[in-house]
Amino acid sequence: MTMQIAVSMKNAIFAPRSRSVESFNHDGMELARRRRHRRVLPIRQILQFALAVLAFKIFLFIQIGAVAYNGKMAELSEGNMLERAAAAIMVLDPVSKGVVTAIRR
């Protein structure tokens, strides 16, 4: 008996999720309604991406040095639209400078 329950629970875990919500009415009749979809801003993924960009800036600055980093940023700022956007994102901000000085100590 417990084996059947375990198998059915395993199948329930891997079964595709339905797009309906099933519930019971006050008189015992089963109801099925469509689940409403909410669009949510993926804040967690945005913060992870921002943290990855910050870490990449810091790593790059430490590896190639201040003079070469500023030269690369000047070169990128004279390029096409994508390169100018990358240069604007990769500018060393005060948080990055603070982290770099803390790492170098």
C-alpha atoms as a PDB file:
ATOM      1  CA  MET A   1       0.000   0.000   0.000  1.00  0.00           C
ATOM      2  CA  THR A   2       2.751   2.455   0.849  1.00  0.00           C
ATOM      3  CA  MET A   3       4.523   1.603  -2.416  1.00  0.00           C
ATOM      4  CA  GLN A   4       1.452   2.710  -4.373  1.00  0.00           C
ATOM      5  CA  ILE A   5       1.322   5.995  -2.478  1.00  0.00           C
ATOM      6  CA  ALA A   6       5.028   6.598  -3.110  1.00  0.00           C
ATOM      7  CA  VAL A   7       4.638   5.899  -6.837  1.00  0.00           C
ATOM      8  CA  SER A   8       1.601   8.148  -7.143  1.00  0.00           C
ATOM      9  CA  MET A   9       3.396  10.951  -5.262  1.00  0.00           C
ATOM     10  CA  LYS A  10       6.423  10.584  -7.546  1.00  0.00           C
ATOM     11  CA  ASN A  11       4.182  10.814 -10.594  1.00  0.00           C
ATOM     12  CA  ALA A  12       2.445  13.856  -9.115  1.00  0.00           C
ATOM     13  CA  ILE A  13       5.782  15.619  -8.651  1.00  0.00           C
ATOM     14  CA  PHE A  14       6.902  15.081 -12.248  1.00  0.00           C
ATOM     15  CA  ALA A  15       3.484  15.536 -13.849  1.00  0.00           C
ATOM     16  CA  PRO A  16       3.011  18.681 -15.921  1.00  0.00           C
ATOM     17  CA  ARG A  17       1.213  21.419 -14.060  1.00  0.00           C
ATOM     18  CA  SER A  18      -2.300  22.026 -15.234  1.00  0.00           C
ATOM     19  CA  ARG A  19      -3.609  25.428 -16.158  1.00  0.00           C
ATOM     20  CA  SER A  20      -6.737  24.988 -14.071  1.00  0.00           C
ATOM     21  CA  VAL A  21      -7.559  25.144 -10.401  1.00  0.00           C
ATOM     22  CA  GLU A  22      -9.850  22.450  -9.111  1.00  0.00           C
ATOM     23  CA  SER A  23     -11.957  22.926  -6.008  1.00  0.00           C
ATOM     24  CA  PHE A  24     -15.229  21.746  -4.578  1.00  0.00           C
ATOM     25  CA  ASN A  25     -18.446  23.712  -4.261  1.00  0.00           C
ATOM     26  CA  HIS A  26     -20.427  23.849  -0.989  1.00  0.00           C
ATOM     27  CA  ASP A  27     -22.622  20.972  -2.181  1.00  0.00           C
ATOM     28  CA  GLY A  28     -19.674  18.754  -3.174  1.00  0.00           C
ATOM     29  CA  MET A  29     -19.640  19.495  -6.904  1.00  0.00           C
ATOM     30  CA  GLU A  30     -16.175  19.783  -8.420  1.00  0.00           C
ATOM     31  CA  LEU A  31     -15.312  23.089 -10.064  1.00  0.00           C
ATOM     32  CA  ALA A  32     -12.519  23.791 -12.521  1.00  0.00           C
ATOM     33  CA  ARG A  33     -11.451  27.353 -13.226  1.00  0.00           C
ATOM     34  CA  ARG A  34      -8.643  28.728 -15.344  1.00  0.00           C
ATOM     35  CA  ARG A  35      -5.689  29.941 -13.339  1.00  0.00           C
ATOM     36  CA  ARG A  36      -5.007  33.657 -13.723  1.00  0.00           C
ATOM     37  CA  HIS A  37      -1.522  34.525 -14.877  1.00  0.00           C
ATOM     38  CA  ARG A  38       0.229  37.471 -13.315  1.00  0.00           C
ATOM     39  CA  ARG A  39       3.230  39.013 -14.963  1.00  0.00           C
ATOM     40  CA  VAL A  40       5.873  39.670 -12.361  1.00  0.00           C
ATOM     41  CA  LEU A  41       9.061  41.681 -12.687  1.00  0.00           C
ATOM     42  CA  PRO A  42      11.986  39.257 -12.223  1.00  0.00           C
ATOM     43  CA  ILE A  43      13.713  41.273  -9.488  1.00  0.00           C
ATOM     44  CA  ARG A  44      15.923  38.401  -8.366  1.00  0.00           C
ATOM     45  CA  GLN A  45      17.344  37.833 -11.847  1.00  0.00           C
ATOM     46  CA  ILE A  46      17.916  41.564 -12.355  1.00  0.00           C
ATOM     47  CA  LEU A  47      19.839  41.802  -9.077  1.00  0.00           C
ATOM     48  CA  GLN A  48      21.906  38.729  -9.964  1.00  0.00           C
ATOM     49  CA  PHE A  49      22.788  40.268 -13.323  1.00  0.00           C
ATOM     50  CA  ALA A  50      23.770  43.569 -11.669  1.00  0.00           C
ATOM     51  CA  LEU A  51      25.961  41.701  -9.182  1.00  0.00           C
ATOM     52  CA  ALA A  52      27.629  39.769 -12.025  1.00  0.00           C
ATOM     53  CA  VAL A  53      28.356  43.014 -13.908  1.00  0.00           C
ATOM     54  CA  LEU A  54      29.798  44.571 -10.735  1.00  0.00           C
ATOM     55  CA  ALA A  55      32.010  41.535 -10.121  1.00  0.00           C
ATOM     56  CA  PHE A  56      33.192  41.544 -13.744  1.00  0.00           C
ATOM     57  CA  LYS A  57      34.094  45.256 -13.554  1.00  0.00           C
ATOM     58  CA  ILE A  58      36.079  44.725 -10.384  1.00  0.00           C
ATOM     59  CA  PHE A  59      37.871  41.654 -11.735  1.00  0.00           C
ATOM     60  CA  LEU A  60      38.758  43.406 -14.992  1.00  0.00           C
ATOM     61  CA  PHE A  61      39.993  46.540 -13.213  1.00  0.00           C
ATOM     62  CA  ILE A  62      42.224  44.517 -10.896  1.00  0.00           C
ATOM     63  CA  GLN A  63      43.603  42.369 -13.733  1.00  0.00           C
ATOM     64  CA  ILE A  64      44.547  45.040 -16.274  1.00  0.00           C
ATOM     65  CA  GLY A  65      45.116  48.056 -14.015  1.00  0.00           C
ATOM     66  CA  ALA A  66      43.693  51.554 -13.863  1.00  0.00           C
ATOM     67  CA  VAL A  67      45.468  53.043 -16.898  1.00  0.00           C
ATOM     68  CA  ALA A  68      44.595  50.211 -19.272  1.00  0.00           C
ATOM     69  CA  TYR A  69      41.022  50.037 -17.950  1.00  0.00           C
ATOM     70  CA  ASN A  70      40.436  53.745 -18.530  1.00  0.00           C
ATOM     71  CA  GLY A  71      41.999  53.432 -22.003  1.00  0.00           C
ATOM     72  CA  LYS A  72      39.632  50.596 -22.888  1.00  0.00           C
ATOM     73  CA  MET A  73      36.656  52.594 -21.621  1.00  0.00           C
ATOM     74  CA  ALA A  74      37.717  55.602 -23.727  1.00  0.00           C
ATOM     75  CA  GLU A  75      38.075  53.327 -26.760  1.00  0.00           C
ATOM     76  CA  LEU A  76      34.644  51.801 -26.154  1.00  0.00           C
ATOM     77  CA  SER A  77      33.004  55.213 -25.726  1.00  0.00           C
ATOM     78  CA  GLU A  78      34.078  56.154 -29.259  1.00  0.00           C
ATOM     79  CA  GLY A  79      32.592  53.020 -30.848  1.00  0.00           C
ATOM     80  CA  ASN A  80      29.143  52.143 -32.107  1.00  0.00           C
ATOM     81  CA  MET A  81      25.962  52.320 -30.039  1.00  0.00           C
ATOM     82  CA  LEU A  82      26.441  48.944 -28.329  1.00  0.00           C
ATOM     83  CA  GLU A  83      30.029  49.762 -27.368  1.00  0.00           C
ATOM     84  CA  ARG A  84      28.968  53.144 -25.956  1.00  0.00           C
ATOM     85  CA  ALA A  85      26.307  51.423 -23.851  1.00  0.00           C
ATOM     86  CA  ALA A  86      28.886  48.919 -22.592  1.00  0.00           C
ATOM     87  CA  ALA A  87      31.244  51.784 -21.726  1.00  0.00           C
ATOM     88  CA  ALA A  88      28.474  53.538 -19.795  1.00  0.00           C
ATOM     89  CA  ILE A  89      27.754  50.374 -17.811  1.00  0.00           C
ATOM     90  CA  MET A  90      31.416  49.553 -17.193  1.00  0.00           C
ATOM     91  CA  VAL A  91      32.373  52.966 -15.771  1.00  0.00           C
ATOM     92  CA  LEU A  92      33.924  52.432 -12.370  1.00  0.00           C
ATOM     93  CA  ASP A  93      31.391  53.687  -9.817  1.00  0.00           C
ATOM     94  CA  PRO A  94      32.139  54.550  -6.151  1.00  0.00           C
ATOM     95  CA  VAL A  95      30.991  51.114  -4.934  1.00  0.00           C
ATOM     96  CA  SER A  96      33.377  49.378  -7.334  1.00  0.00           C
ATOM     97  CA  LYS A  97      36.230  51.700  -6.339  1.00  0.00           C
ATOM     98  CA  GLY A  98      35.595  50.940  -2.672  1.00  0.00           C
ATOM     99  CA  VAL A  99      35.623  47.205  -3.296  1.00  0.00           C
ATOM    100  CA  VAL A 100      38.820  47.453  -5.372  1.00  0.00           C
ATOM    101  CA  THR A 101      40.633  49.415  -2.649  1.00  0.00           C
ATOM    102  CA  ALA A 102      39.425  46.923  -0.019  1.00  0.00           C
ATOM    103  CA  ILE A 103      40.707  43.990  -2.089  1.00  0.00           C
ATOM    104  CA  ARG A 104      44.076  45.598  -2.757  1.00  0.00           C
ATOM    105  CA  ARG A 105      44.733  46.204   0.972  1.00  0.00           C
END
